[in-house]
Amino acid sequence: MAAPLLQTTSEQRAASAAAVRILREIVDYQRRLRRLAVHETGGDQNYLIEAYLRAIKLRRQLLEDLPKPLEAAPDPWRRD
């Protein structure tokens, strides 16, 4: 399912803030995974690794489902 498009700047700001929050959570879980990788893995740590990977996958999906900003129409007179 495609993410809805944003219509107002307040919606854009809210979506941007949500994206920042979700990206920070993803980075936090990735840091936790790296810390666990340094230590020996036991039964409890294997469970944590799986839980962190599920959390990252969920947050990536949430990020993908956020409304996307409208794309500006290309300017035919602009030269790149």
PDB file of N, CA and C in Angstrom:
ATOM      1  N   MET A   1       0.848  -1.180   0.000  1.00  0.00           N
ATOM      2  CA  MET A   1       0.000   0.000   0.000  1.00  0.00           C
ATOM      3  C   MET A   1       0.893   1.244   0.000  1.00  0.00           C
ATOM      4  N   ALA A   2       0.622   2.153  -0.873  1.00  0.00           N
ATOM      5  CA  ALA A   2       1.416   3.374  -0.973  1.00  0.00           C
ATOM      6  C   ALA A   2       1.074   4.320   0.167  1.00  0.00           C
ATOM      7  N   ALA A   3       2.081   5.040   0.648  1.00  0.00           N
ATOM      8  CA  ALA A   3       1.863   6.002   1.722  1.00  0.00           C
ATOM      9  C   ALA A   3       1.085   7.192   1.175  1.00  0.00           C
ATOM     10  N   PRO A   4       0.201   7.765   2.006  1.00  0.00           N
ATOM     11  CA  PRO A   4      -0.555   8.936   1.538  1.00  0.00           C
ATOM     12  C   PRO A   4       0.364  10.141   1.348  1.00  0.00           C
ATOM     13  N   LEU A   5      -0.068  11.060   0.513  1.00  0.00           N
ATOM     14  CA  LEU A   5       0.695  12.284   0.272  1.00  0.00           C
ATOM     15  C   LEU A   5       0.258  13.363   1.251  1.00  0.00           C
ATOM     16  N   LEU A   6       1.187  14.216   1.642  1.00  0.00           N
ATOM     17  CA  LEU A   6       0.901  15.300   2.578  1.00  0.00           C
ATOM     18  C   LEU A   6       0.353  16.505   1.834  1.00  0.00           C
ATOM     19  N   GLN A   7      -0.578  17.192   2.469  1.00  0.00           N
ATOM     20  CA  GLN A   7      -1.195  18.351   1.852  1.00  0.00           C
ATOM     21  C   GLN A   7      -0.740  19.666   2.485  1.00  0.00           C
ATOM     22  N   THR A   8      -0.537  19.700   3.784  1.00  0.00           N
ATOM     23  CA  THR A   8      -0.215  20.959   4.453  1.00  0.00           C
ATOM     24  C   THR A   8       1.181  20.900   5.067  1.00  0.00           C
ATOM     25  N   THR A   9       1.716  22.084   5.362  1.00  0.00           N
ATOM     26  CA  THR A   9       3.032  22.127   5.990  1.00  0.00           C
ATOM     27  C   THR A   9       2.988  21.585   7.407  1.00  0.00           C
ATOM     28  N   SER A  10       1.874  21.737   8.109  1.00  0.00           N
ATOM     29  CA  SER A  10       1.789  21.182   9.463  1.00  0.00           C
ATOM     30  C   SER A  10       1.821  19.657   9.413  1.00  0.00           C
ATOM     31  N   GLU A  11       1.190  19.055   8.390  1.00  0.00           N
ATOM     32  CA  GLU A  11       1.266  17.608   8.218  1.00  0.00           C
ATOM     33  C   GLU A  11       2.693  17.190   7.876  1.00  0.00           C
ATOM     34  N   GLN A  12       3.360  18.003   7.061  1.00  0.00           N
ATOM     35  CA  GLN A  12       4.746  17.704   6.690  1.00  0.00           C
ATOM     36  C   GLN A  12       5.647  17.750   7.916  1.00  0.00           C
ATOM     37  N   ARG A  13       5.466  18.753   8.759  1.00  0.00           N
ATOM     38  CA  ARG A  13       6.275  18.869   9.977  1.00  0.00           C
ATOM     39  C   ARG A  13       6.032  17.695  10.907  1.00  0.00           C
ATOM     40  N   ALA A  14       4.763  17.318  11.070  1.00  0.00           N
ATOM     41  CA  ALA A  14       4.430  16.196  11.951  1.00  0.00           C
ATOM     42  C   ALA A  14       5.041  14.895  11.419  1.00  0.00           C
ATOM     43  N   ALA A  15       4.960  14.686  10.116  1.00  0.00           N
ATOM     44  CA  ALA A  15       5.539  13.482   9.517  1.00  0.00           C
ATOM     45  C   ALA A  15       7.057  13.492   9.652  1.00  0.00           C
ATOM     46  N   SER A  16       7.678  14.653   9.480  1.00  0.00           N
ATOM     47  CA  SER A  16       9.128  14.760   9.622  1.00  0.00           C
ATOM     48  C   SER A  16       9.557  14.466  11.051  1.00  0.00           C
ATOM     49  N   ALA A  17       8.814  15.004  12.008  1.00  0.00           N
ATOM     50  CA  ALA A  17       9.124  14.744  13.420  1.00  0.00           C
ATOM     51  C   ALA A  17       8.972  13.260  13.742  1.00  0.00           C
ATOM     52  N   ALA A  18       7.941  12.641  13.213  1.00  0.00           N
ATOM     53  CA  ALA A  18       7.737  11.209  13.437  1.00  0.00           C
ATOM     54  C   ALA A  18       8.862  10.403  12.796  1.00  0.00           C
ATOM     55  N   ALA A  19       9.285  10.801  11.608  1.00  0.00           N
ATOM     56  CA  ALA A  19      10.371  10.102  10.927  1.00  0.00           C
ATOM     57  C   ALA A  19      11.669  10.205  11.724  1.00  0.00           C
ATOM     58  N   VAL A  20      11.943  11.372  12.257  1.00  0.00           N
ATOM     59  CA  VAL A  20      13.152  11.559  13.067  1.00  0.00           C
ATOM     60  C   VAL A  20      13.103  10.666  14.300  1.00  0.00           C
ATOM     61  N   ARG A  21      11.959  10.625  14.959  1.00  0.00           N
ATOM     62  CA  ARG A  21      11.805   9.797  16.164  1.00  0.00           C
ATOM     63  C   ARG A  21      12.015   8.322  15.825  1.00  0.00           C
ATOM     64  N   ILE A  22      11.412   7.861  14.751  1.00  0.00           N
ATOM     65  CA  ILE A  22      11.532   6.460  14.361  1.00  0.00           C
ATOM     66  C   ILE A  22      12.974   6.126  13.971  1.00  0.00           C
ATOM     67  N   LEU A  23      13.635   7.030  13.241  1.00  0.00           N
ATOM     68  CA  LEU A  23      15.030   6.794  12.869  1.00  0.00           C
ATOM     69  C   LEU A  23      15.931   6.726  14.095  1.00  0.00           C
ATOM     70  N   ARG A  24      15.676   7.551  15.086  1.00  0.00           N
ATOM     71  CA  ARG A  24      16.461   7.497  16.327  1.00  0.00           C
ATOM     72  C   ARG A  24      16.253   6.169  17.042  1.00  0.00           C
ATOM     73  N   GLU A  25      15.018   5.671  17.041  1.00  0.00           N
ATOM     74  CA  GLU A  25      14.744   4.378  17.663  1.00  0.00           C
ATOM     75  C   GLU A  25      15.470   3.257  16.929  1.00  0.00           C
ATOM     76  N   ILE A  26      15.488   3.320  15.592  1.00  0.00           N
ATOM     77  CA  ILE A  26      16.195   2.307  14.810  1.00  0.00           C
ATOM     78  C   ILE A  26      17.684   2.326  15.148  1.00  0.00           C
ATOM     79  N   VAL A  27      18.275   3.509  15.201  1.00  0.00           N
ATOM     80  CA  VAL A  27      19.695   3.633  15.531  1.00  0.00           C
ATOM     81  C   VAL A  27      19.963   3.100  16.928  1.00  0.00           C
ATOM     82  N   ASP A  28      19.073   3.376  17.877  1.00  0.00           N
ATOM     83  CA  ASP A  28      19.231   2.879  19.246  1.00  0.00           C
ATOM     84  C   ASP A  28      19.230   1.348  19.265  1.00  0.00           C
ATOM     85  N   TYR A  29      18.303   0.734  18.554  1.00  0.00           N
ATOM     86  CA  TYR A  29      18.270  -0.727  18.510  1.00  0.00           C
ATOM     87  C   TYR A  29      19.515  -1.293  17.823  1.00  0.00           C
ATOM     88  N   GLN A  30      20.013  -0.620  16.794  1.00  0.00           N
ATOM     89  CA  GLN A  30      21.229  -1.084  16.128  1.00  0.00           C
ATOM     90  C   GLN A  30      22.427  -1.003  17.069  1.00  0.00           C
ATOM     91  N   ARG A  31      22.491   0.031  17.893  1.00  0.00           N
ATOM     92  CA  ARG A  31      23.571   0.144  18.889  1.00  0.00           C
ATOM     93  C   ARG A  31      23.487  -0.984  19.899  1.00  0.00           C
ATOM     94  N   ARG A  32      22.265  -1.283  20.343  1.00  0.00           N
ATOM     95  CA  ARG A  32      22.087  -2.385  21.294  1.00  0.00           C
ATOM     96  C   ARG A  32      22.542  -3.708  20.685  1.00  0.00           C
ATOM     97  N   LEU A  33      22.204  -3.920  19.418  1.00  0.00           N
ATOM     98  CA  LEU A  33      22.636  -5.148  18.743  1.00  0.00           C
ATOM     99  C   LEU A  33      24.157  -5.248  18.678  1.00  0.00           C
ATOM    100  N   ARG A  34      24.810  -4.136  18.364  1.00  0.00           N
ATOM    101  CA  ARG A  34      26.275  -4.138  18.300  1.00  0.00           C
ATOM    102  C   ARG A  34      26.879  -4.466  19.656  1.00  0.00           C
ATOM    103  N   ARG A  35      26.291  -3.894  20.734  1.00  0.00           N
ATOM    104  CA  ARG A  35      26.803  -4.199  22.071  1.00  0.00           C
ATOM    105  C   ARG A  35      26.655  -5.674  22.401  1.00  0.00           C
ATOM    106  N   LEU A  36      25.512  -6.260  22.015  1.00  0.00           N
ATOM    107  CA  LEU A  36      25.314  -7.685  22.271  1.00  0.00           C
ATOM    108  C   LEU A  36      26.276  -8.539  21.447  1.00  0.00           C
ATOM    109  N   ALA A  37      26.607  -8.103  20.247  1.00  0.00           N
ATOM    110  CA  ALA A  37      27.502  -8.863  19.378  1.00  0.00           C
ATOM    111  C   ALA A  37      28.910  -8.937  19.957  1.00  0.00           C
ATOM    112  N   VAL A  38      29.288  -7.946  20.756  1.00  0.00           N
ATOM    113  CA  VAL A  38      30.618  -7.921  21.360  1.00  0.00           C
ATOM    114  C   VAL A  38      30.728  -8.993  22.443  1.00  0.00           C
ATOM    115  N   HIS A  39      29.642  -9.216  23.161  1.00  0.00           N
ATOM    116  CA  HIS A  39      29.644 -10.193  24.239  1.00  0.00           C
ATOM    117  C   HIS A  39      29.247 -11.563  23.709  1.00  0.00           C
ATOM    118  N   GLU A  40      29.562 -12.588  24.499  1.00  0.00           N
ATOM    119  CA  GLU A  40      29.151 -13.936  24.106  1.00  0.00           C
ATOM    120  C   GLU A  40      27.634 -14.024  24.132  1.00  0.00           C
ATOM    121  N   THR A  41      27.092 -14.802  23.210  1.00  0.00           N
ATOM    122  CA  THR A  41      25.641 -14.920  23.146  1.00  0.00           C
ATOM    123  C   THR A  41      25.183 -16.138  23.931  1.00  0.00           C
ATOM    124  N   GLY A  42      24.217 -15.909  24.784  1.00  0.00           N
ATOM    125  CA  GLY A  42      23.593 -16.984  25.540  1.00  0.00           C
ATOM    126  C   GLY A  42      22.123 -17.032  25.188  1.00  0.00           C
ATOM    127  N   GLY A  43      21.355 -17.801  25.929  1.00  0.00           N
ATOM    128  CA  GLY A  43      19.928 -17.929  25.656  1.00  0.00           C
ATOM    129  C   GLY A  43      19.193 -16.611  25.760  1.00  0.00           C
ATOM    130  N   ASP A  44      19.448 -15.849  26.832  1.00  0.00           N
ATOM    131  CA  ASP A  44      18.776 -14.565  27.011  1.00  0.00           C
ATOM    132  C   ASP A  44      19.199 -13.572  25.934  1.00  0.00           C
ATOM    133  N   GLN A  45      20.465 -13.589  25.590  1.00  0.00           N
ATOM    134  CA  GLN A  45      20.946 -12.650  24.588  1.00  0.00           C
ATOM    135  C   GLN A  45      20.405 -12.987  23.204  1.00  0.00           C
ATOM    136  N   ASN A  46      20.236 -14.268  22.898  1.00  0.00           N
ATOM    137  CA  ASN A  46      19.644 -14.638  21.614  1.00  0.00           C
ATOM    138  C   ASN A  46      18.221 -14.110  21.514  1.00  0.00           C
ATOM    139  N   TYR A  47      17.486 -14.198  22.620  1.00  0.00           N
ATOM    140  CA  TYR A  47      16.127 -13.671  22.637  1.00  0.00           C
ATOM    141  C   TYR A  47      16.143 -12.161  22.411  1.00  0.00           C
ATOM    142  N   LEU A  48      17.065 -11.461  23.061  1.00  0.00           N
ATOM    143  CA  LEU A  48      17.165 -10.013  22.882  1.00  0.00           C
ATOM    144  C   LEU A  48      17.525  -9.653  21.446  1.00  0.00           C
ATOM    145  N   ILE A  49      18.438 -10.390  20.859  1.00  0.00           N
ATOM    146  CA  ILE A  49      18.829 -10.120  19.471  1.00  0.00           C
ATOM    147  C   ILE A  49      17.623 -10.253  18.559  1.00  0.00           C
ATOM    148  N   GLU A  50      16.855 -11.317  18.731  1.00  0.00           N
ATOM    149  CA  GLU A  50      15.660 -11.513  17.907  1.00  0.00           C
ATOM    150  C   GLU A  50      14.629 -10.408  18.148  1.00  0.00           C
ATOM    151  N   ALA A  51      14.465 -10.002  19.395  1.00  0.00           N
ATOM    152  CA  ALA A  51      13.507  -8.934  19.723  1.00  0.00           C
ATOM    153  C   ALA A  51      13.940  -7.612  19.103  1.00  0.00           C
ATOM    154  N   TYR A  52      15.231  -7.305  19.165  1.00  0.00           N
ATOM    155  CA  TYR A  52      15.729  -6.063  18.575  1.00  0.00           C
ATOM    156  C   TYR A  52      15.552  -6.067  17.058  1.00  0.00           C
ATOM    157  N   LEU A  53      15.822  -7.215  16.430  1.00  0.00           N
ATOM    158  CA  LEU A  53      15.643  -7.301  14.978  1.00  0.00           C
ATOM    159  C   LEU A  53      14.176  -7.124  14.593  1.00  0.00           C
ATOM    160  N   ARG A  54      13.264  -7.689  15.383  1.00  0.00           N
ATOM    161  CA  ARG A  54      11.835  -7.489  15.115  1.00  0.00           C
ATOM    162  C   ARG A  54      11.447  -6.025  15.288  1.00  0.00           C
ATOM    163  N   ALA A  55      11.989  -5.381  16.324  1.00  0.00           N
ATOM    164  CA  ALA A  55      11.690  -3.965  16.572  1.00  0.00           C
ATOM    165  C   ALA A  55      12.189  -3.091  15.424  1.00  0.00           C
ATOM    166  N   ILE A  56      13.380  -3.393  14.924  1.00  0.00           N
ATOM    167  CA  ILE A  56      13.919  -2.627  13.797  1.00  0.00           C
ATOM    168  C   ILE A  56      13.046  -2.817  12.572  1.00  0.00           C
ATOM    169  N   LYS A  57      12.648  -4.051  12.300  1.00  0.00           N
ATOM    170  CA  LYS A  57      11.802  -4.334  11.135  1.00  0.00           C
ATOM    171  C   LYS A  57      10.473  -3.583  11.246  1.00  0.00           C
ATOM    172  N   LEU A  58       9.866  -3.582  12.431  1.00  0.00           N
ATOM    173  CA  LEU A  58       8.604  -2.872  12.643  1.00  0.00           C
ATOM    174  C   LEU A  58       8.772  -1.377  12.423  1.00  0.00           C
ATOM    175  N   ARG A  59       9.820  -0.804  12.952  1.00  0.00           N
ATOM    176  CA  ARG A  59      10.033   0.633  12.805  1.00  0.00           C
ATOM    177  C   ARG A  59      10.347   1.025  11.366  1.00  0.00           C
ATOM    178  N   ARG A  60      11.037   0.166  10.652  1.00  0.00           N
ATOM    179  CA  ARG A  60      11.271   0.449   9.230  1.00  0.00           C
ATOM    180  C   ARG A  60       9.962   0.451   8.462  1.00  0.00           C
ATOM    181  N   GLN A  61       9.050  -0.445   8.833  1.00  0.00           N
ATOM    182  CA  GLN A  61       7.742  -0.468   8.191  1.00  0.00           C
ATOM    183  C   GLN A  61       6.948   0.785   8.553  1.00  0.00           C
ATOM    184  N   LEU A  62       7.019   1.198   9.824  1.00  0.00           N
ATOM    185  CA  LEU A  62       6.339   2.433  10.242  1.00  0.00           C
ATOM    186  C   LEU A  62       6.882   3.628   9.461  1.00  0.00           C
ATOM    187  N   LEU A  63       8.187   3.658   9.286  1.00  0.00           N
ATOM    188  CA  LEU A  63       8.819   4.744   8.535  1.00  0.00           C
ATOM    189  C   LEU A  63       8.340   4.741   7.083  1.00  0.00           C
ATOM    190  N   GLU A  64       8.244   3.567   6.504  1.00  0.00           N
ATOM    191  CA  GLU A  64       7.790   3.448   5.122  1.00  0.00           C
ATOM    192  C   GLU A  64       6.326   3.878   4.981  1.00  0.00           C
ATOM    193  N   ASP A  65       5.523   3.650   6.013  1.00  0.00           N
ATOM    194  CA  ASP A  65       4.094   3.965   5.963  1.00  0.00           C
ATOM    195  C   ASP A  65       3.771   5.429   6.257  1.00  0.00           C
ATOM    196  N   LEU A  66       4.764   6.209   6.678  1.00  0.00           N
ATOM    197  CA  LEU A  66       4.507   7.628   6.947  1.00  0.00           C
ATOM    198  C   LEU A  66       4.108   8.334   5.655  1.00  0.00           C
ATOM    199  N   PRO A  67       3.272   9.356   5.773  1.00  0.00           N
ATOM    200  CA  PRO A  67       2.909  10.128   4.572  1.00  0.00           C
ATOM    201  C   PRO A  67       4.140  10.755   3.945  1.00  0.00           C
ATOM    202  N   LYS A  68       4.152  10.775   2.644  1.00  0.00           N
ATOM    203  CA  LYS A  68       5.279  11.333   1.897  1.00  0.00           C
ATOM    204  C   LYS A  68       4.933  12.739   1.417  1.00  0.00           C
ATOM    205  N   PRO A  69       5.924  13.639   1.356  1.00  0.00           N
ATOM    206  CA  PRO A  69       5.659  14.995   0.864  1.00  0.00           C
ATOM    207  C   PRO A  69       5.351  14.990  -0.623  1.00  0.00           C
ATOM    208  N   LEU A  70       4.587  15.971  -1.033  1.00  0.00           N
ATOM    209  CA  LEU A  70       4.306  16.133  -2.454  1.00  0.00           C
ATOM    210  C   LEU A  70       5.595  16.499  -3.171  1.00  0.00           C
ATOM    211  N   GLU A  71       5.803  15.923  -4.321  1.00  0.00           N
ATOM    212  CA  GLU A  71       6.991  16.261  -5.092  1.00  0.00           C
ATOM    213  C   GLU A  71       6.696  17.481  -5.946  1.00  0.00           C
ATOM    214  N   ALA A  72       7.661  18.349  -6.016  1.00  0.00           N
ATOM    215  CA  ALA A  72       7.495  19.548  -6.838  1.00  0.00           C
ATOM    216  C   ALA A  72       7.495  19.167  -8.307  1.00  0.00           C
ATOM    217  N   ALA A  73       6.678  19.866  -9.075  1.00  0.00           N
ATOM    218  CA  ALA A  73       6.647  19.626 -10.516  1.00  0.00           C
ATOM    219  C   ALA A  73       7.967  20.089 -11.116  1.00  0.00           C
ATOM    220  N   PRO A  74       8.516  19.353 -12.061  1.00  0.00           N
ATOM    221  CA  PRO A  74       9.775  19.781 -12.672  1.00  0.00           C
ATOM    222  C   PRO A  74       9.594  21.085 -13.446  1.00  0.00           C
ATOM    223  N   ASP A  75      10.589  21.913 -13.365  1.00  0.00           N
ATOM    224  CA  ASP A  75      10.578  23.186 -14.072  1.00  0.00           C
ATOM    225  C   ASP A  75      11.193  22.973 -15.456  1.00  0.00           C
ATOM    226  N   PRO A  76      10.402  23.100 -16.519  1.00  0.00           N
ATOM    227  CA  PRO A  76      10.954  22.818 -17.851  1.00  0.00           C
ATOM    228  C   PRO A  76      11.998  23.844 -18.281  1.00  0.00           C
ATOM    229  N   TRP A  77      12.040  25.000 -17.638  1.00  0.00           N
ATOM    230  CA  TRP A  77      12.976  26.051 -18.020  1.00  0.00           C
ATOM    231  C   TRP A  77      14.284  25.986 -17.260  1.00  0.00           C
ATOM    232  N   ARG A  78      14.354  25.150 -16.265  1.00  0.00           N
ATOM    233  CA  ARG A  78      15.564  25.062 -15.443  1.00  0.00           C
ATOM    234  C   ARG A  78      16.574  24.135 -16.117  1.00  0.00           C
ATOM    235  N   ARG A  79      17.805  24.586 -16.134  1.00  0.00           N
ATOM    236  CA  ARG A  79      18.882  23.756 -16.683  1.00  0.00           C
ATOM    237  C   ARG A  79      19.731  23.262 -15.535  1.00  0.00           C
ATOM    238  N   ASP A  80      20.042  21.991 -15.591  1.00  0.00           N
ATOM    239  CA  ASP A  80      20.892  21.386 -14.534  1.00  0.00           C
ATOM    240  C   ASP A  80      22.332  21.345 -14.941  1.00  0.00           C
TER     241      ASP A  80
END
